[in-house]
Amino acid sequence: MKSIAVAPAKVILTGEHFVVYGVPALVSAVDIYSKTAVSTRRDTTIVARSSSPRCAISINGEHTRVLEGERNARKMLEPMIRVAQAALNRFGSRNQGLNIRIDSEIPVGVGLGSSAAVAISTIAAVGKLCKRRLYRETIRQLAFGSERLIHKIPSGIDQTISTFGGVIVYQKEKPFRRISPRQIFPIIVGDTGKRRSTGKMVSKVRTLLAERDVFAKRALRSAGIISRSALAALRCGDLKRLGQLMNQNHELLREIEISTTELDRLVSAAREAGAFGAKLTGAGGGGCMIAVASSDCTSSVLQAIGHAGGTPYLARMEHRGVRSWVIN
């Protein structure tokens, strides 16, 4: 018997970094997925394999063995095995051996929530294999373990949106709120191809804001106004206004020094091609930008991002969140 689960990637429409300080962030799941397949073994070893990047490790007790991909294997896959072990413990199958196969479409280290989506799909697949009723809140909480290993102090955004899907308002120490946009629209994604560490970027911003108290207060106030205004624009279906607010958010993120030449180039190219607005998404320092545009400008914006050196994607909002099933 084999179980399979898929979990979506995410984009942050407004509020990244500032969410750490209590500012609301507006977040959408998108239809780029992590897929995990899990089957049982006759021993107590857990073997995890990834197709992209290609790597594999096995863990039995405290013994870890790299099977493929010496450079990236442990860093990428050990947190996923640990979260699978936590799921086994939670679902009452502590010493069960597993084969875990991860096939993720989500680029790693670019701000689309790859590690959280892989963790969510892994937990859901393990739970389904154990024939347990899966509560989404349980899946979300279990995913915090792997996110702490990877990002040190995760905001909680990535595992929340990948678990529940849709569009949410996420605010620190408050229950997240689902929202229903007046209209569903495509989200254009541009990948710079430059990977970065979320933890390092969060630390950089923390240091900058601590050193510039007056600026920090102004920036946090502005970020809050942008997110609340973007929420209103989404609710009434005003994509032009949403784009304007995304532009403002990008300029604020530039002020806290997390944008890059590559990101600014893609953002400018998207705007010049007719996008309502464009901004970096996620931690910055590389990774991805996003844009929103009218249907008649979408192709032009995608082409412009490609000509500016980025890898363009056309994504759509994903309302379902994590899903799992069994194959006999």
Foldseek 3Di string as FASTA:
>chain_A
DKKKKKWFWKWWLADPLLLVVFFKTKMFTWPFIKMKMKDWDPFQKEKEAEVVVGWIWIDDPHDIGTDDDVPCHCVQCVLLVVLLQVLCVVLVNNRIYMYMYMYGRDDPQFFGLVSLRNNLRSSVRSCVNSVHDDDLVVSLVSSVSSCCSQQVDDQSVSNVCRSQGAMWIDHHPDDIGHDDFPDWFKKKKWALPDGDGLNVLSVLLVVVCVVPVVLVVVLSVLSNVLRVQLSVCRNVVPQLSSQVSSQVRQVSVVVSPQADPLQVLLQVLLVVLAFSHKHRTGSHPGHMIITHHDPVSVVSSCVSSVVSRIHMDIITGDRHRMDMDDDD
